[in-house]
């Protein structure tokens, strides 16, 4: 279960050399569910569906992780190179090398993003999974068209928003320590591994 919007949270740290109390309020809820089978993403804010966006997720060779992920970083543009995540062709050349991927939001530490895709044909979105594991949304080169689905999602998302991927061909759940993916670990396991367990 996620924190209820508007909740006040107080964290007290009593660690070696650190005694601190921090209080903060939980903001609005936004949970986006990517269905790799239907190739659609449903964006739900505060319990109401606000948009459904056609997507293209990981191909059969490079399926997207299933599971609950959290947007941890946002970049208007970012350089993506397959070699940084171990995806190379014969001779060590990266399987992809894109200088300015628009509207990129990190989902895992291992390199899964939800981002704009201007190189895929319009007919791909909502129809075919073609990526190397990321979730692609229709966009234009440079990301300068605010009417594009990727621009809308970028502008309407914040760090901390949940993105759930389901029905990917890869039945592997994203590991709890791969980014902010702790939600994929049952509470009983979490507590068992803690200092109080």
N, C-alpha and C. Protein backbone atom coordinates (compact mmCIF):
# COMPACT_ATOMS: atom_id res chain seq x y z
N UNK A 1 0.84 -1.19 0.00
CA UNK A 1 0.00 0.00 0.00
C UNK A 1 0.88 1.24 0.00
N UNK A 2 0.40 2.25 -0.69
CA UNK A 2 1.15 3.51 -0.76
C UNK A 2 0.63 4.47 0.32
N UNK A 3 1.44 5.49 0.61
CA UNK A 3 1.01 6.50 1.57
C UNK A 3 -0.23 7.20 1.03
N UNK A 4 -1.16 7.51 1.92
CA UNK A 4 -2.37 8.23 1.55
C UNK A 4 -2.00 9.70 1.30
N UNK A 5 -2.48 10.31 0.18
CA UNK A 5 -2.19 11.72 -0.07
C UNK A 5 -2.62 12.59 1.11
N UNK A 6 -1.78 13.55 1.45
CA UNK A 6 -2.07 14.45 2.56
C UNK A 6 -1.59 13.95 3.91
N UNK A 7 -1.10 12.70 3.97
CA UNK A 7 -0.61 12.15 5.24
C UNK A 7 0.62 12.91 5.71
N UNK A 8 0.75 13.05 7.01
CA UNK A 8 1.96 13.62 7.59
C UNK A 8 2.83 12.47 8.08
N UNK A 9 4.09 12.50 7.69
CA UNK A 9 5.03 11.43 8.04
C UNK A 9 6.15 12.03 8.87
N UNK A 10 6.47 11.39 9.98
CA UNK A 10 7.60 11.81 10.81
C UNK A 10 8.58 10.65 10.90
N UNK A 11 9.83 10.93 10.58
CA UNK A 11 10.89 9.92 10.65
C UNK A 11 11.88 10.37 11.71
N UNK A 12 12.14 9.50 12.67
CA UNK A 12 13.11 9.80 13.71
C UNK A 12 14.31 8.88 13.51
N UNK A 13 15.48 9.49 13.35
CA UNK A 13 16.73 8.75 13.15
C UNK A 13 17.53 8.77 14.44
N UNK A 14 17.80 7.60 14.97
CA UNK A 14 18.66 7.46 16.14
C UNK A 14 19.80 6.53 15.74
N UNK A 15 20.70 7.06 14.96
CA UNK A 15 21.82 6.29 14.45
C UNK A 15 23.11 6.75 15.12
N UNK A 16 24.15 5.98 14.97
CA UNK A 16 25.43 6.34 15.55
C UNK A 16 25.87 7.70 15.02
N UNK A 17 25.89 8.69 15.86
CA UNK A 17 26.33 10.03 15.47
C UNK A 17 25.26 10.88 14.80
N UNK A 18 24.08 10.33 14.60
CA UNK A 18 23.00 11.10 13.95
C UNK A 18 21.71 10.92 14.73
N UNK A 19 21.23 12.01 15.28
CA UNK A 19 19.92 12.03 15.92
C UNK A 19 19.16 13.16 15.24
N UNK A 20 18.13 12.79 14.51
CA UNK A 20 17.40 13.80 13.75
C UNK A 20 15.96 13.35 13.56
N UNK A 21 15.06 14.32 13.54
CA UNK A 21 13.66 14.06 13.24
C UNK A 21 13.26 14.91 12.04
N UNK A 22 12.64 14.26 11.06
CA UNK A 22 12.20 14.95 9.84
C UNK A 22 10.71 14.69 9.67
N UNK A 23 9.95 15.74 9.39
CA UNK A 23 8.52 15.61 9.14
C UNK A 23 8.21 16.16 7.75
N UNK A 24 7.38 15.43 7.01
CA UNK A 24 6.97 15.89 5.68
C UNK A 24 5.55 15.41 5.38
N UNK A 25 4.94 16.03 4.37
CA UNK A 25 3.58 15.69 3.97
C UNK A 25 3.60 14.97 2.62
N UNK A 26 2.77 13.95 2.48
CA UNK A 26 2.64 13.21 1.23
C UNK A 26 1.79 14.04 0.26
N UNK A 27 2.28 14.19 -0.96
CA UNK A 27 1.57 14.95 -1.99
C UNK A 27 0.49 14.13 -2.66
N UNK A 28 0.10 14.57 -3.83
CA UNK A 28 -0.95 13.89 -4.58
C UNK A 28 -0.49 12.49 -5.00
N UNK A 29 -1.42 11.63 -5.30
CA UNK A 29 -1.10 10.28 -5.76
C UNK A 29 -1.15 10.23 -7.28
N UNK A 30 -0.12 9.65 -7.90
CA UNK A 30 -0.18 9.36 -9.33
C UNK A 30 0.47 8.00 -9.56
N UNK A 31 -0.32 7.08 -10.09
CA UNK A 31 0.14 5.73 -10.38
C UNK A 31 -0.15 5.46 -11.85
N UNK A 32 0.91 5.21 -12.60
CA UNK A 32 0.78 4.93 -14.03
C UNK A 32 1.05 3.44 -14.25
N UNK A 33 0.11 2.77 -14.89
CA UNK A 33 0.24 1.33 -15.13
C UNK A 33 0.49 1.08 -16.61
N UNK A 34 1.65 0.49 -16.90
CA UNK A 34 2.03 0.12 -18.26
C UNK A 34 1.65 -1.34 -18.46
N UNK A 35 0.78 -1.60 -19.42
CA UNK A 35 0.42 -2.98 -19.77
C UNK A 35 1.17 -3.34 -21.04
N UNK A 36 2.23 -4.14 -20.90
CA UNK A 36 3.07 -4.48 -22.05
C UNK A 36 2.32 -5.34 -23.07
N UNK A 37 1.27 -6.01 -22.63
CA UNK A 37 0.49 -6.84 -23.55
C UNK A 37 -0.44 -5.99 -24.42
N UNK A 38 -1.16 -5.05 -23.81
CA UNK A 38 -2.07 -4.19 -24.58
C UNK A 38 -1.34 -3.00 -25.19
N UNK A 39 -0.12 -2.74 -24.69
CA UNK A 39 0.73 -1.64 -25.15
C UNK A 39 0.06 -0.28 -24.89
N UNK A 40 -0.51 -0.17 -23.71
CA UNK A 40 -1.16 1.06 -23.26
C UNK A 40 -0.69 1.37 -21.84
N UNK A 41 -0.62 2.67 -21.52
CA UNK A 41 -0.32 3.10 -20.16
C UNK A 41 -1.50 3.92 -19.66
N UNK A 42 -2.01 3.55 -18.48
CA UNK A 42 -3.11 4.27 -17.87
C UNK A 42 -2.56 5.09 -16.71
N UNK A 43 -2.83 6.39 -16.74
CA UNK A 43 -2.35 7.30 -15.70
C UNK A 43 -3.52 7.62 -14.78
N UNK A 44 -3.37 7.28 -13.50
CA UNK A 44 -4.42 7.49 -12.50
C UNK A 44 -3.90 8.47 -11.46
N UNK A 45 -4.61 9.58 -11.30
CA UNK A 45 -4.24 10.58 -10.29
C UNK A 45 -5.35 10.69 -9.26
N UNK A 46 -4.98 10.54 -8.00
CA UNK A 46 -5.93 10.61 -6.90
C UNK A 46 -7.17 9.76 -7.15
N UNK A 47 -6.93 8.55 -7.70
CA UNK A 47 -8.00 7.59 -7.90
C UNK A 47 -8.79 7.72 -9.18
N UNK A 48 -8.49 8.74 -10.02
CA UNK A 48 -9.23 8.93 -11.27
C UNK A 48 -8.31 8.80 -12.46
N UNK A 49 -8.75 8.06 -13.49
CA UNK A 49 -7.97 7.94 -14.72
C UNK A 49 -7.97 9.29 -15.43
N UNK A 50 -6.77 9.84 -15.67
CA UNK A 50 -6.69 11.13 -16.35
C UNK A 50 -6.20 11.02 -17.79
N UNK A 51 -5.56 9.88 -18.13
CA UNK A 51 -5.08 9.72 -19.51
C UNK A 51 -4.68 8.27 -19.76
N UNK A 52 -4.90 7.83 -20.99
CA UNK A 52 -4.40 6.55 -21.47
C UNK A 52 -3.51 6.84 -22.66
N UNK A 53 -2.28 6.32 -22.63
CA UNK A 53 -1.26 6.65 -23.64
C UNK A 53 -0.76 5.37 -24.30
N UNK A 54 -0.74 5.32 -25.64
CA UNK A 54 -0.13 4.17 -26.32
C UNK A 54 1.38 4.16 -26.08
N UNK A 55 1.94 2.98 -25.85
CA UNK A 55 3.37 2.85 -25.54
C UNK A 55 4.01 1.77 -26.40
N UNK A 56 5.32 1.72 -26.34
CA UNK A 56 6.09 0.59 -26.88
C UNK A 56 7.10 0.22 -25.81
N UNK A 57 6.98 -1.00 -25.28
CA UNK A 57 7.91 -1.42 -24.22
C UNK A 57 8.96 -2.36 -24.80
N UNK A 58 9.61 -3.12 -23.93
CA UNK A 58 10.72 -3.97 -24.35
C UNK A 58 10.33 -5.08 -25.32
N UNK A 59 11.19 -5.30 -26.28
CA UNK A 59 10.99 -6.34 -27.29
C UNK A 59 11.12 -7.73 -26.66
N UNK A 60 10.84 -8.76 -27.44
CA UNK A 60 10.99 -10.13 -26.95
C UNK A 60 12.42 -10.39 -26.50
N UNK A 61 13.40 -9.85 -27.22
CA UNK A 61 14.81 -10.05 -26.88
C UNK A 61 15.23 -9.25 -25.65
N UNK A 62 14.57 -8.12 -25.41
CA UNK A 62 14.93 -7.23 -24.30
C UNK A 62 13.67 -6.77 -23.57
N UNK A 63 12.94 -7.68 -22.92
CA UNK A 63 11.68 -7.30 -22.29
C UNK A 63 11.87 -6.35 -21.11
N UNK A 64 10.87 -5.54 -20.88
CA UNK A 64 10.85 -4.61 -19.74
C UNK A 64 10.56 -5.41 -18.47
N UNK A 65 11.20 -5.01 -17.36
CA UNK A 65 10.89 -5.64 -16.08
C UNK A 65 9.42 -5.46 -15.75
N UNK A 66 8.83 -6.46 -15.11
CA UNK A 66 7.52 -6.31 -14.48
C UNK A 66 7.76 -5.76 -13.07
N UNK A 67 6.75 -5.10 -12.52
CA UNK A 67 6.83 -4.68 -11.13
C UNK A 67 6.57 -3.21 -10.92
N UNK A 68 6.71 -2.82 -9.65
CA UNK A 68 6.47 -1.45 -9.23
C UNK A 68 7.79 -0.70 -9.21
N UNK A 69 7.83 0.40 -9.94
CA UNK A 69 9.03 1.23 -9.99
C UNK A 69 8.63 2.66 -9.63
N UNK A 70 9.62 3.47 -9.34
CA UNK A 70 9.37 4.85 -8.94
C UNK A 70 10.25 5.77 -9.78
N UNK A 71 9.66 6.85 -10.27
CA UNK A 71 10.46 7.84 -11.01
C UNK A 71 11.46 8.45 -10.04
N UNK A 72 12.75 8.28 -10.34
CA UNK A 72 13.79 8.77 -9.43
C UNK A 72 14.57 9.96 -9.99
N UNK A 73 14.53 10.15 -11.30
CA UNK A 73 15.20 11.30 -11.93
C UNK A 73 14.42 11.69 -13.18
N UNK A 74 14.49 12.98 -13.53
CA UNK A 74 13.86 13.48 -14.76
C UNK A 74 14.88 14.29 -15.55
N UNK A 75 14.92 14.05 -16.86
CA UNK A 75 15.84 14.77 -17.75
C UNK A 75 15.07 15.23 -18.99
N UNK A 76 15.16 16.52 -19.30
CA UNK A 76 14.54 17.00 -20.55
C UNK A 76 15.15 16.27 -21.74
N UNK A 77 16.45 16.03 -21.69
CA UNK A 77 17.16 15.24 -22.71
C UNK A 77 18.31 14.51 -22.03
N UNK A 78 18.60 13.30 -22.53
CA UNK A 78 19.71 12.53 -21.98
C UNK A 78 20.31 11.68 -23.10
N UNK A 79 21.62 11.47 -23.01
CA UNK A 79 22.32 10.60 -23.97
C UNK A 79 22.16 9.16 -23.50
N UNK A 80 21.68 8.29 -24.38
CA UNK A 80 21.54 6.87 -24.06
C UNK A 80 22.41 6.05 -24.99
N UNK A 81 23.22 5.17 -24.38
CA UNK A 81 24.18 4.36 -25.13
C UNK A 81 24.11 2.93 -24.60
N UNK A 82 23.86 1.98 -25.49
CA UNK A 82 23.70 0.59 -25.09
C UNK A 82 24.87 0.01 -24.32
N UNK A 83 26.08 0.48 -24.60
CA UNK A 83 27.27 -0.06 -23.92
C UNK A 83 27.23 0.19 -22.42
N UNK A 84 26.55 1.26 -21.98
CA UNK A 84 26.50 1.58 -20.55
C UNK A 84 25.68 0.57 -19.76
N UNK A 85 24.82 -0.20 -20.46
CA UNK A 85 24.02 -1.22 -19.78
C UNK A 85 24.33 -2.62 -20.33
N UNK A 86 25.49 -2.75 -20.98
CA UNK A 86 25.95 -4.05 -21.45
C UNK A 86 25.34 -4.53 -22.75
N UNK A 87 24.70 -3.64 -23.51
CA UNK A 87 24.10 -4.03 -24.79
C UNK A 87 25.00 -3.58 -25.93
N UNK A 88 25.80 -4.53 -26.41
CA UNK A 88 26.74 -4.22 -27.49
C UNK A 88 26.58 -5.22 -28.63
N UNK A 89 27.03 -4.79 -29.80
CA UNK A 89 27.07 -5.66 -30.97
C UNK A 89 28.44 -6.32 -31.02
N UNK A 90 28.64 -7.13 -32.04
CA UNK A 90 29.94 -7.76 -32.25
C UNK A 90 31.00 -6.67 -32.35
N UNK A 91 32.13 -6.87 -31.71
CA UNK A 91 33.20 -5.88 -31.75
C UNK A 91 33.07 -4.82 -30.67
N UNK A 92 32.05 -4.92 -29.80
CA UNK A 92 31.91 -3.98 -28.69
C UNK A 92 31.18 -2.69 -28.99
N UNK A 93 30.71 -2.51 -30.23
CA UNK A 93 29.98 -1.29 -30.59
C UNK A 93 28.61 -1.32 -29.90
N UNK A 94 28.17 -0.17 -29.34
CA UNK A 94 26.87 -0.17 -28.65
C UNK A 94 25.73 -0.52 -29.60
N UNK A 95 24.74 -1.25 -29.07
CA UNK A 95 23.59 -1.64 -29.89
C UNK A 95 22.70 -0.44 -30.22
N UNK A 96 22.83 0.62 -29.45
CA UNK A 96 22.17 1.89 -29.77
C UNK A 96 22.99 3.02 -29.17
N UNK A 97 22.88 4.19 -29.76
CA UNK A 97 23.62 5.37 -29.28
C UNK A 97 22.83 6.59 -29.72
N UNK A 98 22.01 7.12 -28.82
CA UNK A 98 21.12 8.23 -29.14
C UNK A 98 21.51 9.42 -28.27
N UNK A 99 21.97 10.48 -28.92
CA UNK A 99 22.50 11.67 -28.22
C UNK A 99 21.50 12.36 -27.32
N UNK A 100 20.29 12.60 -27.81
CA UNK A 100 19.36 13.45 -27.07
C UNK A 100 17.98 12.80 -27.00
N UNK A 101 17.84 11.84 -26.08
CA UNK A 101 16.54 11.19 -25.88
C UNK A 101 15.69 12.16 -25.05
N UNK A 102 14.53 12.57 -25.58
CA UNK A 102 13.72 13.57 -24.87
C UNK A 102 12.84 12.98 -23.76
N UNK A 103 12.51 13.83 -22.81
CA UNK A 103 11.54 13.53 -21.76
C UNK A 103 11.81 12.19 -21.07
N UNK A 104 13.03 12.04 -20.57
CA UNK A 104 13.46 10.77 -19.96
C UNK A 104 13.28 10.80 -18.44
N UNK A 105 12.68 9.75 -17.92
CA UNK A 105 12.47 9.60 -16.48
C UNK A 105 12.99 8.24 -16.05
N UNK A 106 13.95 8.24 -15.14
CA UNK A 106 14.59 6.99 -14.69
C UNK A 106 13.65 6.20 -13.79
N UNK A 107 13.58 4.87 -14.06
CA UNK A 107 12.78 3.97 -13.24
C UNK A 107 13.64 2.99 -12.44
N UNK A 108 14.83 2.64 -12.96
CA UNK A 108 15.71 1.71 -12.23
C UNK A 108 17.15 2.20 -12.29
N UNK A 109 17.94 1.72 -11.35
CA UNK A 109 19.37 2.05 -11.35
C UNK A 109 20.08 1.37 -12.51
N UNK A 110 19.52 0.25 -13.00
CA UNK A 110 20.17 -0.50 -14.08
C UNK A 110 19.90 0.06 -15.47
N UNK A 111 19.11 1.12 -15.57
CA UNK A 111 18.95 1.79 -16.86
C UNK A 111 17.58 1.75 -17.49
N UNK A 112 16.56 1.31 -16.78
CA UNK A 112 15.20 1.35 -17.33
C UNK A 112 14.65 2.77 -17.17
N UNK A 113 14.18 3.32 -18.29
CA UNK A 113 13.58 4.65 -18.31
C UNK A 113 12.20 4.57 -18.96
N UNK A 114 11.38 5.56 -18.71
CA UNK A 114 10.21 5.83 -19.53
C UNK A 114 10.55 7.14 -20.21
N UNK A 115 10.50 7.17 -21.56
CA UNK A 115 11.04 8.33 -22.27
C UNK A 115 10.36 8.56 -23.61
N UNK A 116 10.62 9.74 -24.17
CA UNK A 116 10.14 10.05 -25.50
C UNK A 116 10.90 9.24 -26.54
N UNK A 117 10.19 8.90 -27.61
CA UNK A 117 10.78 8.14 -28.72
C UNK A 117 10.35 8.81 -30.01
N UNK A 118 11.32 9.42 -30.72
CA UNK A 118 11.03 10.08 -31.99
C UNK A 118 11.48 9.25 -33.18
N UNK A 119 12.26 8.20 -32.96
CA UNK A 119 12.82 7.39 -34.04
C UNK A 119 11.89 6.24 -34.45
N UNK A 120 10.94 5.90 -33.60
CA UNK A 120 9.99 4.84 -33.92
C UNK A 120 8.85 5.38 -34.78
N UNK A 121 8.38 4.59 -35.72
CA UNK A 121 7.25 4.99 -36.56
C UNK A 121 6.01 5.17 -35.70
N UNK A 122 5.13 6.09 -36.09
CA UNK A 122 3.90 6.33 -35.34
C UNK A 122 3.12 5.04 -35.10
N UNK A 123 3.14 4.14 -36.08
CA UNK A 123 2.37 2.89 -36.00
C UNK A 123 2.88 1.94 -34.93
N UNK A 124 4.05 2.19 -34.37
CA UNK A 124 4.63 1.32 -33.33
C UNK A 124 3.87 1.46 -32.01
N UNK A 125 3.53 2.69 -31.64
CA UNK A 125 2.96 2.97 -30.32
C UNK A 125 1.55 2.39 -30.21
N UNK A 126 1.38 1.56 -29.18
CA UNK A 126 0.11 0.88 -29.00
C UNK A 126 -0.01 -0.41 -29.80
N UNK A 127 1.03 -0.73 -30.58
CA UNK A 127 0.96 -1.90 -31.48
C UNK A 127 2.10 -2.90 -31.32
N UNK A 128 3.35 -2.41 -31.16
CA UNK A 128 4.52 -3.30 -31.17
C UNK A 128 5.49 -2.89 -30.06
N UNK A 129 6.03 -3.88 -29.35
CA UNK A 129 7.06 -3.62 -28.35
C UNK A 129 8.42 -3.76 -29.02
N UNK A 130 9.18 -2.65 -29.07
CA UNK A 130 10.41 -2.61 -29.86
C UNK A 130 11.65 -2.18 -29.11
N UNK A 131 11.53 -1.81 -27.82
CA UNK A 131 12.67 -1.18 -27.15
C UNK A 131 13.66 -2.20 -26.59
N UNK A 132 14.73 -1.68 -26.00
CA UNK A 132 15.75 -2.49 -25.33
C UNK A 132 15.42 -2.66 -23.84
N UNK A 133 14.18 -2.41 -23.45
CA UNK A 133 13.76 -2.59 -22.07
C UNK A 133 13.08 -1.37 -21.47
N UNK A 134 13.26 -0.22 -22.11
CA UNK A 134 12.59 1.00 -21.64
C UNK A 134 11.14 1.02 -22.10
N UNK A 135 10.38 1.99 -21.60
CA UNK A 135 9.02 2.23 -22.06
C UNK A 135 9.06 3.51 -22.89
N UNK A 136 8.71 3.40 -24.17
CA UNK A 136 8.75 4.53 -25.08
C UNK A 136 7.39 5.15 -25.30
N UNK A 137 7.36 6.49 -25.33
CA UNK A 137 6.15 7.26 -25.62
C UNK A 137 6.43 8.12 -26.84
N UNK A 138 5.44 8.29 -27.69
CA UNK A 138 5.61 9.08 -28.92
C UNK A 138 6.10 10.49 -28.59
N UNK A 139 7.06 10.96 -29.40
CA UNK A 139 7.66 12.28 -29.19
C UNK A 139 8.25 12.77 -30.50
N UNK A 140 8.79 13.98 -30.46
CA UNK A 140 9.50 14.54 -31.62
C UNK A 140 10.95 14.78 -31.21
N UNK A 141 11.83 14.80 -32.20
CA UNK A 141 13.25 15.05 -31.93
C UNK A 141 13.39 16.41 -31.25
N UNK A 142 14.15 16.45 -30.19
CA UNK A 142 14.33 17.69 -29.43
C UNK A 142 13.27 17.88 -28.35
N UNK A 143 12.15 17.14 -28.46
CA UNK A 143 11.10 17.19 -27.44
C UNK A 143 10.36 18.50 -27.36
N UNK A 144 10.39 19.30 -28.44
CA UNK A 144 9.81 20.64 -28.38
C UNK A 144 8.33 20.77 -28.65
N UNK A 145 7.61 19.67 -28.84
CA UNK A 145 6.18 19.74 -29.12
C UNK A 145 5.41 19.26 -27.89
N UNK A 146 4.87 20.21 -27.14
CA UNK A 146 4.16 19.90 -25.90
C UNK A 146 2.90 19.07 -26.08
N UNK A 147 2.46 18.89 -27.32
CA UNK A 147 1.25 18.09 -27.58
C UNK A 147 1.55 16.59 -27.65
N UNK A 148 2.82 16.24 -27.68
CA UNK A 148 3.21 14.83 -27.78
C UNK A 148 2.96 14.10 -26.45
N UNK A 149 2.59 12.81 -26.52
CA UNK A 149 2.34 12.06 -25.28
C UNK A 149 3.51 12.07 -24.29
N UNK A 150 4.75 11.98 -24.79
CA UNK A 150 5.91 11.98 -23.88
C UNK A 150 6.03 13.31 -23.15
N UNK A 151 5.77 14.41 -23.85
CA UNK A 151 5.84 15.74 -23.22
C UNK A 151 4.77 15.87 -22.15
N UNK A 152 3.56 15.41 -22.47
CA UNK A 152 2.47 15.48 -21.49
C UNK A 152 2.83 14.69 -20.24
N UNK A 153 3.32 13.46 -20.43
CA UNK A 153 3.63 12.61 -19.28
C UNK A 153 4.76 13.22 -18.45
N UNK A 154 5.78 13.74 -19.11
CA UNK A 154 6.90 14.37 -18.41
C UNK A 154 6.41 15.56 -17.57
N UNK A 155 5.59 16.41 -18.18
CA UNK A 155 5.10 17.61 -17.50
C UNK A 155 4.14 17.29 -16.36
N UNK A 156 3.50 16.14 -16.42
CA UNK A 156 2.50 15.77 -15.42
C UNK A 156 3.00 14.72 -14.43
N UNK A 157 4.29 14.46 -14.44
CA UNK A 157 4.88 13.49 -13.51
C UNK A 157 5.92 14.17 -12.64
N UNK A 158 6.13 13.59 -11.46
CA UNK A 158 7.17 14.12 -10.57
C UNK A 158 7.97 12.97 -10.00
N UNK A 159 9.14 13.31 -9.50
CA UNK A 159 9.96 12.32 -8.82
C UNK A 159 9.15 11.76 -7.65
N UNK A 160 9.14 10.45 -7.55
CA UNK A 160 8.35 9.78 -6.52
C UNK A 160 7.08 9.14 -7.05
N UNK A 161 6.66 9.50 -8.27
CA UNK A 161 5.47 8.87 -8.85
C UNK A 161 5.74 7.41 -9.16
N UNK A 162 4.74 6.58 -8.97
CA UNK A 162 4.85 5.14 -9.18
C UNK A 162 4.50 4.79 -10.63
N UNK A 163 5.31 3.91 -11.22
CA UNK A 163 5.03 3.33 -12.54
C UNK A 163 5.05 1.82 -12.37
N UNK A 164 3.93 1.19 -12.67
CA UNK A 164 3.81 -0.27 -12.56
C UNK A 164 3.83 -0.85 -13.97
N UNK A 165 4.68 -1.84 -14.20
CA UNK A 165 4.69 -2.54 -15.48
C UNK A 165 4.15 -3.94 -15.24
N UNK A 166 3.19 -4.34 -16.08
CA UNK A 166 2.63 -5.69 -15.97
C UNK A 166 2.54 -6.33 -17.35
N UNK A 167 2.44 -7.63 -17.35
CA UNK A 167 2.27 -8.43 -18.58
C UNK A 167 3.43 -8.35 -19.55
N UNK A 168 4.63 -8.03 -19.05
CA UNK A 168 5.82 -8.07 -19.90
C UNK A 168 6.18 -9.53 -20.12
N UNK A 169 6.80 -9.83 -21.26
CA UNK A 169 7.22 -11.20 -21.55
C UNK A 169 8.24 -11.70 -20.54
N UNK A 170 9.01 -10.79 -19.96
CA UNK A 170 9.96 -11.16 -18.91
C UNK A 170 9.17 -11.27 -17.61
N UNK A 171 9.02 -12.48 -17.12
CA UNK A 171 8.24 -12.68 -15.89
C UNK A 171 9.03 -12.26 -14.65
N UNK A 172 10.27 -11.82 -14.84
CA UNK A 172 11.11 -11.39 -13.73
C UNK A 172 10.58 -10.07 -13.17
N UNK A 173 10.42 -10.03 -11.85
CA UNK A 173 10.06 -8.77 -11.19
C UNK A 173 11.33 -7.96 -11.00
N UNK A 174 11.21 -6.66 -11.12
CA UNK A 174 12.36 -5.80 -10.88
C UNK A 174 12.83 -6.03 -9.44
N UNK A 175 14.14 -6.14 -9.25
CA UNK A 175 14.69 -6.41 -7.92
C UNK A 175 14.43 -5.24 -6.98
N UNK A 176 14.13 -5.50 -5.71
CA UNK A 176 13.84 -4.43 -4.77
C UNK A 176 14.96 -3.42 -4.61
N UNK A 177 16.21 -3.82 -4.88
CA UNK A 177 17.33 -2.90 -4.73
C UNK A 177 17.75 -2.26 -6.05
N UNK A 178 16.94 -2.40 -7.09
CA UNK A 178 17.25 -1.80 -8.39
C UNK A 178 16.49 -0.49 -8.51
N UNK A 179 17.07 0.56 -7.96
CA UNK A 179 16.39 1.86 -7.91
C UNK A 179 15.51 1.92 -6.68
N UNK A 180 14.41 2.64 -6.79
CA UNK A 180 13.47 2.79 -5.67
C UNK A 180 12.35 1.77 -5.82
N UNK A 181 12.72 0.51 -5.89
CA UNK A 181 11.77 -0.56 -6.20
C UNK A 181 11.44 -1.42 -4.99
N UNK A 182 11.59 -0.86 -3.80
CA UNK A 182 11.37 -1.58 -2.55
C UNK A 182 9.96 -2.18 -2.47
N UNK A 183 9.00 -1.57 -3.17
CA UNK A 183 7.61 -2.04 -3.12
C UNK A 183 7.48 -3.48 -3.60
N UNK A 184 8.48 -4.00 -4.31
CA UNK A 184 8.41 -5.36 -4.84
C UNK A 184 8.81 -6.42 -3.82
N UNK A 185 9.19 -5.98 -2.62
CA UNK A 185 9.55 -6.92 -1.55
C UNK A 185 8.41 -6.98 -0.54
N UNK A 186 7.94 -8.18 -0.23
CA UNK A 186 6.89 -8.29 0.79
C UNK A 186 7.36 -7.70 2.13
N UNK A 187 6.45 -7.09 2.87
CA UNK A 187 6.77 -6.44 4.13
C UNK A 187 7.45 -7.42 5.10
N UNK A 188 7.00 -8.68 5.11
CA UNK A 188 7.59 -9.67 6.02
C UNK A 188 9.08 -9.87 5.74
N UNK A 189 9.46 -9.86 4.46
CA UNK A 189 10.89 -9.97 4.09
C UNK A 189 11.65 -8.71 4.49
N UNK A 190 11.02 -7.56 4.26
CA UNK A 190 11.65 -6.27 4.58
C UNK A 190 11.98 -6.21 6.07
N UNK A 191 11.01 -6.54 6.91
CA UNK A 191 11.20 -6.49 8.36
C UNK A 191 12.22 -7.54 8.80
N UNK A 192 12.19 -8.73 8.20
CA UNK A 192 13.13 -9.80 8.57
C UNK A 192 14.57 -9.39 8.31
N UNK A 193 14.80 -8.56 7.30
CA UNK A 193 16.15 -8.12 6.97
C UNK A 193 16.58 -6.85 7.67
N UNK A 194 15.68 -6.27 8.48
CA UNK A 194 16.01 -5.01 9.15
C UNK A 194 16.65 -5.27 10.51
N UNK A 195 17.09 -4.20 11.13
CA UNK A 195 17.70 -4.30 12.46
C UNK A 195 16.68 -4.74 13.51
N UNK A 196 15.39 -4.51 13.23
CA UNK A 196 14.35 -4.89 14.19
C UNK A 196 13.85 -6.31 13.96
N UNK A 197 14.25 -6.95 12.81
CA UNK A 197 13.71 -8.26 12.41
C UNK A 197 14.16 -9.41 13.19
